[in-house]
N, C-alpha and C. Protein backbone atom coordinates (compact mmCIF):
# COMPACT_ATOMS: atom_id res chain seq x y z
N UNK A 1 0.84 -1.17 0.00
CA UNK A 1 0.00 0.00 0.00
C UNK A 1 0.89 1.24 0.00
N UNK A 2 0.59 2.16 -0.88
CA UNK A 2 1.41 3.36 -1.01
C UNK A 2 0.75 4.53 -0.30
N UNK A 3 1.54 5.23 0.51
CA UNK A 3 1.00 6.42 1.19
C UNK A 3 2.01 7.56 1.23
N UNK A 4 3.05 7.48 0.40
CA UNK A 4 4.12 8.47 0.47
C UNK A 4 3.97 9.66 -0.45
N UNK A 5 2.83 9.80 -1.10
CA UNK A 5 2.63 10.94 -2.01
C UNK A 5 2.58 12.27 -1.26
N UNK A 6 2.75 13.34 -2.00
CA UNK A 6 2.81 14.66 -1.38
C UNK A 6 1.45 15.28 -1.09
N UNK A 7 0.38 14.73 -1.65
CA UNK A 7 -0.99 15.21 -1.42
C UNK A 7 -1.12 16.71 -1.70
N UNK A 8 -0.49 17.17 -2.77
CA UNK A 8 -0.49 18.60 -3.07
C UNK A 8 -1.90 19.14 -3.34
N UNK A 9 -2.69 18.41 -4.14
CA UNK A 9 -4.04 18.90 -4.45
C UNK A 9 -4.96 18.84 -3.23
N UNK A 10 -4.74 17.84 -2.37
CA UNK A 10 -5.55 17.73 -1.17
C UNK A 10 -5.19 18.80 -0.15
N UNK A 11 -3.92 19.18 -0.11
CA UNK A 11 -3.48 20.22 0.82
C UNK A 11 -3.10 19.70 2.19
N UNK A 12 -3.27 18.40 2.43
CA UNK A 12 -2.86 17.76 3.68
C UNK A 12 -2.72 16.27 3.43
N UNK A 13 -2.07 15.59 4.34
CA UNK A 13 -1.81 14.17 4.15
C UNK A 13 -3.11 13.37 4.08
N UNK A 14 -3.27 12.61 3.00
CA UNK A 14 -4.46 11.78 2.86
C UNK A 14 -4.52 10.68 3.91
N UNK A 15 -3.36 10.21 4.35
CA UNK A 15 -3.32 9.13 5.34
C UNK A 15 -4.04 9.50 6.63
N UNK A 16 -4.09 10.80 6.94
CA UNK A 16 -4.67 11.28 8.19
C UNK A 16 -6.11 11.77 8.05
N UNK A 17 -6.71 11.66 6.88
CA UNK A 17 -8.09 12.14 6.71
C UNK A 17 -9.06 11.28 7.53
N UNK A 18 -9.86 11.90 8.40
CA UNK A 18 -10.87 11.12 9.14
C UNK A 18 -11.99 10.68 8.20
N UNK A 19 -12.39 9.43 8.36
CA UNK A 19 -13.51 8.93 7.56
C UNK A 19 -14.22 7.81 8.31
N UNK A 20 -15.46 8.05 8.65
CA UNK A 20 -16.32 7.04 9.26
C UNK A 20 -15.70 6.43 10.52
N UNK A 21 -15.15 7.28 11.39
CA UNK A 21 -14.64 6.82 12.68
C UNK A 21 -13.22 6.30 12.69
N UNK A 22 -12.53 6.39 11.57
CA UNK A 22 -11.12 5.99 11.52
C UNK A 22 -10.37 6.91 10.58
N UNK A 23 -9.06 6.78 10.55
CA UNK A 23 -8.26 7.58 9.63
C UNK A 23 -8.10 6.82 8.32
N UNK A 24 -7.94 7.55 7.23
CA UNK A 24 -7.95 6.94 5.90
C UNK A 24 -6.97 5.77 5.77
N UNK A 25 -5.72 5.95 6.18
CA UNK A 25 -4.75 4.86 6.05
C UNK A 25 -5.17 3.66 6.88
N UNK A 26 -5.66 3.89 8.08
CA UNK A 26 -6.12 2.79 8.92
C UNK A 26 -7.28 2.04 8.25
N UNK A 27 -8.16 2.77 7.61
CA UNK A 27 -9.31 2.16 6.93
C UNK A 27 -8.85 1.25 5.79
N UNK A 28 -7.94 1.77 4.95
CA UNK A 28 -7.50 0.98 3.80
C UNK A 28 -6.70 -0.23 4.26
N UNK A 29 -5.87 -0.06 5.27
CA UNK A 29 -5.13 -1.21 5.82
C UNK A 29 -6.11 -2.27 6.30
N UNK A 30 -7.14 -1.87 7.03
CA UNK A 30 -8.14 -2.82 7.56
C UNK A 30 -8.82 -3.59 6.42
N UNK A 31 -9.20 -2.88 5.37
CA UNK A 31 -9.89 -3.52 4.25
C UNK A 31 -8.97 -4.49 3.52
N UNK A 32 -7.76 -4.04 3.22
CA UNK A 32 -6.82 -4.89 2.48
C UNK A 32 -6.41 -6.09 3.33
N UNK A 33 -6.24 -5.88 4.62
CA UNK A 33 -5.81 -6.95 5.51
C UNK A 33 -6.83 -8.09 5.59
N UNK A 34 -8.07 -7.81 5.27
CA UNK A 34 -9.10 -8.85 5.25
C UNK A 34 -8.97 -9.75 4.03
N UNK A 35 -8.17 -9.30 3.03
CA UNK A 35 -8.01 -10.07 1.79
C UNK A 35 -6.64 -10.71 1.65
N UNK A 36 -5.60 -10.04 2.15
CA UNK A 36 -4.23 -10.53 1.94
C UNK A 36 -3.41 -10.38 3.22
N UNK A 37 -2.35 -11.15 3.26
CA UNK A 37 -1.39 -11.05 4.35
C UNK A 37 -0.04 -11.53 3.83
N UNK A 38 1.03 -10.85 4.17
CA UNK A 38 1.10 -9.66 5.02
C UNK A 38 0.74 -8.39 4.25
N UNK A 39 0.54 -7.31 5.00
CA UNK A 39 0.30 -6.00 4.42
C UNK A 39 1.56 -5.16 4.62
N UNK A 40 2.04 -4.57 3.53
CA UNK A 40 3.20 -3.70 3.56
C UNK A 40 2.73 -2.28 3.27
N UNK A 41 3.11 -1.34 4.11
CA UNK A 41 2.83 0.08 3.86
C UNK A 41 4.15 0.74 3.48
N UNK A 42 4.15 1.39 2.32
CA UNK A 42 5.33 2.09 1.84
C UNK A 42 5.11 3.59 2.05
N UNK A 43 5.97 4.19 2.86
CA UNK A 43 5.85 5.61 3.21
C UNK A 43 7.09 6.36 2.77
N UNK A 44 6.98 7.67 2.72
CA UNK A 44 8.14 8.51 2.42
C UNK A 44 9.07 8.56 3.63
N UNK A 45 10.31 8.90 3.38
CA UNK A 45 11.27 9.06 4.48
C UNK A 45 10.76 10.13 5.44
N UNK A 46 10.71 9.81 6.71
CA UNK A 46 10.31 10.77 7.72
C UNK A 46 8.83 11.07 7.79
N UNK A 47 8.03 10.44 6.96
CA UNK A 47 6.58 10.69 6.96
C UNK A 47 5.95 10.15 8.24
N UNK A 48 5.16 10.98 8.90
CA UNK A 48 4.42 10.53 10.09
C UNK A 48 3.14 9.84 9.65
N UNK A 49 2.85 8.72 10.32
CA UNK A 49 1.67 7.94 9.97
C UNK A 49 0.81 7.68 11.20
N UNK A 50 -0.48 7.43 10.97
CA UNK A 50 -1.34 7.01 12.08
C UNK A 50 -0.87 5.66 12.63
N UNK A 51 -1.31 5.34 13.82
CA UNK A 51 -0.99 4.04 14.41
C UNK A 51 -1.59 2.94 13.55
N UNK A 52 -0.77 1.92 13.26
CA UNK A 52 -1.22 0.79 12.45
C UNK A 52 -1.08 -0.50 13.24
N UNK A 53 -1.80 -1.55 12.87
CA UNK A 53 -1.66 -2.82 13.57
C UNK A 53 -0.21 -3.31 13.55
N UNK A 54 0.19 -4.02 14.59
CA UNK A 54 1.56 -4.53 14.67
C UNK A 54 1.90 -5.46 13.53
N UNK A 55 0.91 -6.12 12.96
CA UNK A 55 1.14 -7.06 11.87
C UNK A 55 1.52 -6.37 10.56
N UNK A 56 1.30 -5.07 10.46
CA UNK A 56 1.62 -4.32 9.24
C UNK A 56 3.11 -4.01 9.21
N UNK A 57 3.73 -4.27 8.07
CA UNK A 57 5.15 -3.97 7.89
C UNK A 57 5.28 -2.60 7.24
N UNK A 58 6.03 -1.72 7.87
CA UNK A 58 6.26 -0.38 7.33
C UNK A 58 7.65 -0.32 6.72
N UNK A 59 7.73 0.12 5.46
CA UNK A 59 9.00 0.34 4.80
C UNK A 59 9.01 1.76 4.25
N UNK A 60 10.20 2.28 4.06
CA UNK A 60 10.35 3.66 3.58
C UNK A 60 11.02 3.66 2.22
N UNK A 61 10.55 4.56 1.35
CA UNK A 61 11.19 4.73 0.05
C UNK A 61 12.63 5.17 0.23
N UNK A 62 13.54 4.51 -0.46
CA UNK A 62 14.96 4.87 -0.38
C UNK A 62 15.22 6.19 -1.10
N UNK A 63 14.45 6.47 -2.14
CA UNK A 63 14.60 7.70 -2.91
C UNK A 63 13.29 8.45 -2.90
N UNK A 64 13.35 9.73 -2.62
CA UNK A 64 12.13 10.53 -2.49
C UNK A 64 11.64 11.07 -3.83
N UNK A 65 10.34 11.34 -3.87
CA UNK A 65 9.69 12.02 -5.00
C UNK A 65 9.92 11.31 -6.33
N UNK A 66 9.86 9.96 -6.31
CA UNK A 66 10.02 9.21 -7.56
C UNK A 66 8.73 8.50 -7.94
N UNK A 67 7.65 8.81 -7.25
CA UNK A 67 6.34 8.34 -7.66
C UNK A 67 6.01 6.91 -7.27
N UNK A 68 4.84 6.45 -7.74
CA UNK A 68 4.35 5.14 -7.33
C UNK A 68 5.21 3.97 -7.83
N UNK A 69 5.91 4.11 -8.95
CA UNK A 69 6.76 3.01 -9.41
C UNK A 69 7.88 2.76 -8.40
N UNK A 70 8.43 3.82 -7.84
CA UNK A 70 9.43 3.66 -6.78
C UNK A 70 8.80 2.99 -5.55
N UNK A 71 7.59 3.41 -5.21
CA UNK A 71 6.91 2.80 -4.07
C UNK A 71 6.63 1.33 -4.28
N UNK A 72 6.19 0.97 -5.48
CA UNK A 72 5.96 -0.44 -5.80
C UNK A 72 7.25 -1.23 -5.68
N UNK A 73 8.34 -0.67 -6.20
CA UNK A 73 9.64 -1.35 -6.15
C UNK A 73 10.08 -1.55 -4.71
N UNK A 74 9.91 -0.54 -3.88
CA UNK A 74 10.27 -0.64 -2.46
C UNK A 74 9.45 -1.73 -1.78
N UNK A 75 8.15 -1.74 -2.04
CA UNK A 75 7.28 -2.74 -1.44
C UNK A 75 7.59 -4.15 -1.91
N UNK A 76 7.80 -4.31 -3.22
CA UNK A 76 8.11 -5.64 -3.75
C UNK A 76 9.44 -6.16 -3.19
N UNK A 77 10.40 -5.28 -3.05
CA UNK A 77 11.70 -5.69 -2.49
C UNK A 77 11.52 -6.19 -1.07
N UNK A 78 10.66 -5.52 -0.31
CA UNK A 78 10.45 -5.89 1.10
C UNK A 78 9.70 -7.21 1.26
N UNK A 79 8.90 -7.58 0.27
CA UNK A 79 8.02 -8.74 0.42
C UNK A 79 8.36 -9.88 -0.53
N UNK A 80 9.40 -9.73 -1.33
CA UNK A 80 9.71 -10.68 -2.40
C UNK A 80 9.85 -12.12 -1.96
N UNK A 81 10.31 -12.35 -0.74
CA UNK A 81 10.51 -13.72 -0.28
C UNK A 81 9.29 -14.28 0.47
N UNK A 82 8.19 -13.51 0.48
CA UNK A 82 7.02 -13.92 1.27
C UNK A 82 5.78 -14.26 0.43
N UNK A 83 5.80 -13.92 -0.85
CA UNK A 83 4.62 -14.17 -1.66
C UNK A 83 4.98 -14.19 -3.14
N UNK A 84 4.02 -14.57 -3.97
CA UNK A 84 4.21 -14.60 -5.42
C UNK A 84 3.66 -13.36 -6.11
N UNK A 85 2.68 -12.72 -5.46
CA UNK A 85 2.01 -11.58 -6.07
C UNK A 85 1.48 -10.66 -4.98
N UNK A 86 1.23 -9.40 -5.36
CA UNK A 86 0.71 -8.41 -4.41
C UNK A 86 -0.44 -7.66 -5.04
N UNK A 87 -1.29 -7.11 -4.18
CA UNK A 87 -2.29 -6.14 -4.61
C UNK A 87 -1.75 -4.78 -4.21
N UNK A 88 -1.64 -3.87 -5.17
CA UNK A 88 -1.13 -2.53 -4.90
C UNK A 88 -2.30 -1.57 -4.78
N UNK A 89 -2.30 -0.80 -3.68
CA UNK A 89 -3.35 0.18 -3.45
C UNK A 89 -2.74 1.49 -3.00
N UNK A 90 -3.40 2.56 -3.34
CA UNK A 90 -3.08 3.84 -2.73
C UNK A 90 -3.83 3.90 -1.40
N UNK A 91 -3.59 4.95 -0.64
CA UNK A 91 -4.26 5.04 0.67
C UNK A 91 -5.45 6.00 0.64
N UNK A 92 -5.94 6.31 -0.57
CA UNK A 92 -7.01 7.31 -0.68
C UNK A 92 -8.24 6.77 -1.41
N UNK A 93 -8.53 5.48 -1.16
CA UNK A 93 -9.69 4.85 -1.82
C UNK A 93 -10.69 4.40 -0.75
N UNK A 94 -11.50 5.32 -0.26
CA UNK A 94 -12.34 5.04 0.91
C UNK A 94 -13.38 3.95 0.71
N UNK A 95 -13.73 3.64 -0.55
CA UNK A 95 -14.77 2.65 -0.80
C UNK A 95 -14.21 1.34 -1.36
N UNK A 96 -12.91 1.15 -1.22
CA UNK A 96 -12.30 -0.12 -1.62
C UNK A 96 -12.98 -1.27 -0.90
N UNK A 97 -13.24 -2.35 -1.63
CA UNK A 97 -13.90 -3.52 -1.06
C UNK A 97 -12.92 -4.70 -1.01
N UNK A 98 -12.99 -5.45 0.06
CA UNK A 98 -12.14 -6.62 0.22
C UNK A 98 -12.34 -7.59 -0.94
N UNK A 99 -13.58 -7.80 -1.36
CA UNK A 99 -13.84 -8.71 -2.47
C UNK A 99 -13.22 -8.21 -3.77
N UNK A 100 -13.12 -6.91 -3.94
CA UNK A 100 -12.48 -6.33 -5.13
C UNK A 100 -11.00 -6.70 -5.15
N UNK A 101 -10.34 -6.60 -3.99
CA UNK A 101 -8.93 -6.96 -3.89
C UNK A 101 -8.75 -8.42 -4.31
N UNK A 102 -9.55 -9.30 -3.76
CA UNK A 102 -9.47 -10.73 -4.10
C UNK A 102 -9.74 -10.96 -5.58
N UNK A 103 -10.71 -10.24 -6.12
CA UNK A 103 -11.10 -10.39 -7.53
C UNK A 103 -9.95 -10.05 -8.46
N UNK A 104 -9.28 -8.94 -8.20
CA UNK A 104 -8.16 -8.53 -9.05
C UNK A 104 -7.02 -9.53 -8.95
N UNK A 105 -6.69 -9.97 -7.76
CA UNK A 105 -5.64 -10.97 -7.60
C UNK A 105 -5.98 -12.27 -8.34
N UNK A 106 -7.24 -12.66 -8.30
CA UNK A 106 -7.67 -13.89 -8.97
C UNK A 106 -7.57 -13.79 -10.48
N UNK A 107 -7.53 -12.57 -11.01
CA UNK A 107 -7.47 -12.37 -12.46
C UNK A 107 -6.05 -12.32 -13.01
N UNK A 108 -5.05 -12.52 -12.18
CA UNK A 108 -3.68 -12.55 -12.68
C UNK A 108 -3.45 -13.70 -13.66
N UNK A 109 -3.98 -14.87 -13.33
CA UNK A 109 -3.76 -16.02 -14.20
C UNK A 109 -2.27 -16.21 -14.45
N UNK A 110 -1.88 -16.35 -15.72
CA UNK A 110 -0.47 -16.54 -16.08
C UNK A 110 0.22 -15.21 -16.36
N UNK A 111 -0.48 -14.10 -16.19
CA UNK A 111 0.09 -12.79 -16.49
C UNK A 111 0.89 -12.24 -15.32
N UNK A 112 1.63 -11.18 -15.58
CA UNK A 112 2.44 -10.55 -14.54
C UNK A 112 1.69 -9.42 -13.83
N UNK A 113 0.73 -8.85 -14.53
CA UNK A 113 -0.05 -7.74 -13.96
C UNK A 113 -1.51 -7.94 -14.32
N UNK A 114 -2.41 -7.62 -13.40
CA UNK A 114 -3.85 -7.53 -13.68
C UNK A 114 -4.27 -6.13 -13.30
N UNK A 115 -4.73 -5.36 -14.29
CA UNK A 115 -5.05 -3.95 -14.06
C UNK A 115 -6.50 -3.65 -14.44
N UNK A 116 -7.26 -3.05 -13.53
CA UNK A 116 -8.63 -2.63 -13.87
C UNK A 116 -8.61 -1.52 -14.92
N UNK A 117 -9.61 -1.55 -15.80
CA UNK A 117 -9.75 -0.53 -16.83
C UNK A 117 -11.19 -0.08 -16.83
N UNK A 118 -11.41 1.19 -16.50
CA UNK A 118 -12.77 1.73 -16.44
C UNK A 118 -12.74 3.21 -16.80
N UNK A 119 -13.81 3.68 -17.38
CA UNK A 119 -13.93 5.10 -17.79
C UNK A 119 -12.76 5.53 -18.67
N UNK A 120 -12.29 4.61 -19.49
CA UNK A 120 -11.25 4.95 -20.46
C UNK A 120 -9.84 5.00 -19.90
N UNK A 121 -9.65 4.61 -18.64
CA UNK A 121 -8.29 4.66 -18.08
C UNK A 121 -7.96 3.39 -17.29
N UNK A 122 -6.67 3.08 -17.28
CA UNK A 122 -6.17 1.98 -16.46
C UNK A 122 -5.96 2.49 -15.04
N UNK A 123 -6.06 1.59 -14.07
CA UNK A 123 -5.92 1.95 -12.67
C UNK A 123 -4.77 1.15 -12.04
N UNK A 124 -3.52 1.57 -12.28
CA UNK A 124 -2.37 0.80 -11.78
C UNK A 124 -2.25 0.77 -10.26
N UNK A 125 -2.93 1.70 -9.57
CA UNK A 125 -2.88 1.70 -8.11
C UNK A 125 -4.07 0.96 -7.49
N UNK A 126 -4.65 0.08 -8.29
CA UNK A 126 -5.70 -0.83 -7.81
C UNK A 126 -5.50 -2.15 -8.54
N UNK A 127 -4.24 -2.55 -8.68
CA UNK A 127 -3.86 -3.68 -9.54
C UNK A 127 -3.08 -4.74 -8.79
N UNK A 128 -2.95 -5.89 -9.44
CA UNK A 128 -2.15 -7.00 -8.90
C UNK A 128 -0.86 -7.12 -9.71
N UNK A 129 0.23 -7.38 -9.01
CA UNK A 129 1.55 -7.50 -9.63
C UNK A 129 2.26 -8.75 -9.12
N UNK A 130 2.82 -9.52 -10.02
CA UNK A 130 3.66 -10.64 -9.61
C UNK A 130 5.04 -10.11 -9.21
N UNK A 131 5.69 -10.82 -8.30
CA UNK A 131 7.02 -10.43 -7.85
C UNK A 131 7.99 -10.33 -9.03
N UNK A 132 7.73 -11.11 -10.09
CA UNK A 132 8.63 -11.10 -11.26
C UNK A 132 8.74 -9.75 -11.95
N UNK A 133 7.84 -8.80 -11.65
CA UNK A 133 7.96 -7.48 -12.28
C UNK A 133 9.05 -6.64 -11.62
N UNK A 134 9.57 -7.08 -10.48
CA UNK A 134 10.53 -6.26 -9.73
C UNK A 134 11.75 -5.86 -10.56
N UNK A 135 12.47 -6.79 -11.22
CA UNK A 135 13.64 -6.36 -11.98
C UNK A 135 13.30 -5.42 -13.13
N UNK A 136 12.12 -5.60 -13.71
CA UNK A 136 11.70 -4.71 -14.80
C UNK A 136 11.44 -3.31 -14.24
N UNK A 137 10.78 -3.23 -13.08
CA UNK A 137 10.54 -1.93 -12.45
C UNK A 137 11.86 -1.26 -12.07
N UNK A 138 12.80 -2.03 -11.55
CA UNK A 138 14.10 -1.48 -11.18
C UNK A 138 14.84 -0.94 -12.40
N UNK A 139 14.76 -1.68 -13.50
CA UNK A 139 15.40 -1.25 -14.75
C UNK A 139 14.78 0.05 -15.26
N UNK A 140 13.45 0.13 -15.19
CA UNK A 140 12.78 1.36 -15.63
C UNK A 140 13.21 2.55 -14.78
N UNK A 141 13.25 2.37 -13.47
CA UNK A 141 13.66 3.46 -12.59
C UNK A 141 15.10 3.88 -12.85
N UNK A 142 15.96 2.90 -13.09
CA UNK A 142 17.37 3.19 -13.36
C UNK A 142 17.54 4.02 -14.63
N UNK A 143 16.61 3.85 -15.58
CA UNK A 143 16.67 4.63 -16.81
C UNK A 143 15.74 5.84 -16.76
N UNK A 144 15.31 6.19 -15.54
CA UNK A 144 14.49 7.38 -15.27
C UNK A 144 13.11 7.33 -15.91
N UNK A 145 12.57 6.13 -16.11
CA UNK A 145 11.18 5.96 -16.53
C UNK A 145 10.37 5.67 -15.27
N UNK A 146 9.56 6.64 -14.84
CA UNK A 146 8.87 6.51 -13.55
C UNK A 146 7.37 6.28 -13.66
N UNK A 147 6.87 6.22 -14.86
CA UNK A 147 5.42 6.06 -15.03
C UNK A 147 5.01 4.61 -14.86
N UNK A 148 3.93 4.37 -14.14
CA UNK A 148 3.41 3.03 -13.96
C UNK A 148 3.03 2.42 -15.31
N UNK A 149 2.58 3.26 -16.23
CA UNK A 149 2.20 2.76 -17.56
C UNK A 149 3.39 2.14 -18.28
N UNK A 150 4.60 2.61 -18.00
CA UNK A 150 5.79 2.03 -18.62
C UNK A 150 5.96 0.58 -18.20
N UNK A 151 5.68 0.29 -16.93
CA UNK A 151 5.76 -1.08 -16.44
C UNK A 151 4.68 -1.95 -17.08
N UNK A 152 3.48 -1.42 -17.15
CA UNK A 152 2.36 -2.16 -17.74
C UNK A 152 2.65 -2.49 -19.20
N UNK A 153 3.24 -1.54 -19.92
CA UNK A 153 3.57 -1.76 -21.33
C UNK A 153 4.64 -2.82 -21.51
N UNK A 154 5.53 -2.96 -20.54
CA UNK A 154 6.65 -3.90 -20.67
C UNK A 154 6.31 -5.33 -20.22
N UNK A 155 5.21 -5.50 -19.52
CA UNK A 155 4.88 -6.80 -18.92
C UNK A 155 3.62 -7.42 -19.54
N UNK A 156 3.53 -8.74 -19.46
CA UNK A 156 2.29 -9.43 -19.84
C UNK A 156 1.21 -8.99 -18.87
N UNK A 157 0.24 -8.28 -19.40
CA UNK A 157 -0.78 -7.66 -18.54
C UNK A 157 -2.17 -8.12 -18.91
N UNK A 158 -2.94 -8.43 -17.91
CA UNK A 158 -4.36 -8.77 -18.08
C UNK A 158 -5.16 -7.52 -17.77
N UNK A 159 -5.83 -6.99 -18.77
CA UNK A 159 -6.73 -5.85 -18.57
C UNK A 159 -8.07 -6.39 -18.09
N UNK A 160 -8.54 -5.88 -16.95
CA UNK A 160 -9.84 -6.30 -16.41
C UNK A 160 -10.84 -5.18 -16.71
N UNK A 161 -11.73 -5.39 -17.70
CA UNK A 161 -12.62 -4.31 -18.12
C UNK A 161 -13.73 -4.02 -17.10
N UNK A 162 -14.32 -2.86 -17.25
CA UNK A 162 -15.37 -2.40 -16.33
C UNK A 162 -16.51 -3.40 -16.22
N UNK A 163 -16.85 -4.07 -17.34
CA UNK A 163 -17.96 -5.02 -17.31
C UNK A 163 -17.68 -6.17 -16.33
N UNK A 164 -16.43 -6.63 -16.30
CA UNK A 164 -16.06 -7.69 -15.36
C UNK A 164 -15.98 -7.15 -13.94
N UNK A 165 -15.43 -5.95 -13.79
CA UNK A 165 -15.32 -5.34 -12.47
C UNK A 165 -16.70 -5.15 -11.83
N UNK A 166 -17.68 -4.83 -12.67
CA UNK A 166 -19.03 -4.57 -12.17
C UNK A 166 -19.67 -5.81 -11.56
N UNK A 167 -19.16 -6.99 -11.90
CA UNK A 167 -19.72 -8.20 -11.31
C UNK A 167 -19.42 -8.29 -9.81
N UNK A 168 -18.36 -7.62 -9.37
CA UNK A 168 -17.99 -7.64 -7.95
C UNK A 168 -18.25 -6.29 -7.28
N UNK A 169 -18.22 -5.22 -8.05
CA UNK A 169 -18.41 -3.86 -7.52
C UNK A 169 -19.23 -3.08 -8.55
N UNK A 170 -20.55 -3.24 -8.53
CA UNK A 170 -21.41 -2.67 -9.59
C UNK A 170 -21.21 -1.18 -9.84
N UNK A 171 -20.93 -0.42 -8.81
CA UNK A 171 -20.75 1.02 -9.00
C UNK A 171 -19.29 1.41 -9.21
N UNK A 172 -18.39 0.43 -9.17
CA UNK A 172 -16.95 0.65 -9.35
C UNK A 172 -16.38 1.64 -8.33
N UNK A 173 -16.98 1.64 -7.14
CA UNK A 173 -16.52 2.59 -6.11
C UNK A 173 -15.16 2.24 -5.54
N UNK A 174 -14.73 1.01 -5.73
CA UNK A 174 -13.40 0.63 -5.25
C UNK A 174 -12.30 1.42 -5.96
N UNK A 175 -12.63 1.99 -7.11
CA UNK A 175 -11.65 2.75 -7.89
C UNK A 175 -11.69 4.25 -7.61
N UNK A 176 -12.61 4.68 -6.76
CA UNK A 176 -12.78 6.11 -6.51
C UNK A 176 -11.72 6.58 -5.53
N UNK A 177 -10.76 7.37 -6.04
CA UNK A 177 -9.73 7.91 -5.16
C UNK A 177 -9.96 9.40 -4.93
N UNK A 178 -9.38 9.89 -3.85
CA UNK A 178 -9.60 11.27 -3.42
C UNK A 178 -8.38 12.12 -3.75
N UNK A 179 -8.57 13.11 -4.61
CA UNK A 179 -7.45 13.97 -4.99
C UNK A 179 -7.56 15.39 -4.45
N UNK A 180 -8.75 15.79 -4.05
CA UNK A 180 -8.96 17.19 -3.67
C UNK A 180 -9.89 17.27 -2.46
N UNK A 181 -9.93 18.42 -1.80
CA UNK A 181 -10.89 18.59 -0.71
C UNK A 181 -12.33 18.35 -1.17
N UNK A 182 -12.64 18.68 -2.42
CA UNK A 182 -13.99 18.46 -2.95
C UNK A 182 -14.30 16.96 -3.05
N UNK A 183 -13.30 16.18 -3.50
CA UNK A 183 -13.47 14.72 -3.55
C UNK A 183 -13.73 14.16 -2.15
N UNK A 184 -12.98 14.66 -1.19
CA UNK A 184 -13.11 14.18 0.20
C UNK A 184 -14.49 14.52 0.75
N UNK A 185 -14.95 15.75 0.50
CA UNK A 185 -16.28 16.16 0.97
C UNK A 185 -17.36 15.29 0.34
N UNK A 186 -17.22 14.98 -0.93
CA UNK A 186 -18.20 14.14 -1.62
C UNK A 186 -18.18 12.72 -1.06
N UNK A 187 -17.00 12.21 -0.75
CA UNK A 187 -16.90 10.87 -0.14
C UNK A 187 -17.62 10.83 1.20
N UNK A 188 -17.44 11.87 2.01
CA UNK A 188 -18.11 11.92 3.31
C UNK A 188 -19.62 11.94 3.15
N UNK A 189 -20.10 12.64 2.13
CA UNK A 189 -21.54 12.70 1.88
C UNK A 189 -22.10 11.36 1.42
N UNK A 190 -21.25 10.53 0.81
CA UNK A 190 -21.72 9.28 0.21
C UNK A 190 -21.43 8.05 1.05
N UNK A 191 -20.97 8.23 2.28
CA UNK A 191 -20.65 7.07 3.12
C UNK A 191 -21.83 6.15 3.33
N UNK A 192 -23.02 6.71 3.42
CA UNK A 192 -24.22 5.90 3.67
C UNK A 192 -24.74 5.22 2.41
N UNK A 193 -24.18 5.58 1.25
CA UNK A 193 -24.69 5.05 -0.02
C UNK A 193 -23.76 4.06 -0.67
N UNK A 194 -22.88 3.44 0.11
CA UNK A 194 -21.94 2.48 -0.46
C UNK A 194 -22.70 1.24 -0.89
N UNK A 195 -22.53 0.87 -2.17
CA UNK A 195 -23.22 -0.33 -2.67
C UNK A 195 -22.22 -1.40 -2.97
C-alpha cells in the first residue's frame, strides 16, 4: 500500500483524513488486511503515519519524490521472499472492497499484472503485480522511466474491463480515489450510499 505521495491537491496528508470513525490509512489497511497477508505500507522518508496494527510492515522509500513506481519497487523488495504476487493500493480509496482486492488478484492467471480498466483509463494503483515485475521496475527506474504505464507496457498484462469489475463492484466505487478537498467532501456525503 502506497501512502508516500505529497498530497499537493488535497493540501494535507491523505493518510490522516478522518472517515467514518477511523483515519484513511487505517481504513484501507483494515480492508486490504481482510483479503491478503502480510500488508506492507510504503511511506516517504520521515513521513508521520497514524498508528497501524503490529502485523503491518512499514518500509520507507529509499529515494524521495520518484512516484508510485518507486513505491511499488520498495514494497516488492520488502516482500519478495514472502509471496508470489501483491495487490497494490493507494491510501485514498475510501470505498475499496475486500472482495475487489481478491477479484483482481484472482485475475492474474499466467500474467504478470492484472489492471482494472474503467472510464477509459487503467488503474495501476488498484492492480495486482507478480514479484517477477521487480527487476523490470528497477530497470525502468534506473533509466528514469517513472510512469506506472511504462511497467504495464513492458509486462504481460491482463486488462480487467469495467464489465467484469461490475460483477464484484457494480458502482466501481473501489476505484474512486480522493485527490482534492472536494473529492473528500463528496466521499463523506456518500458514506451511507456504499453499494
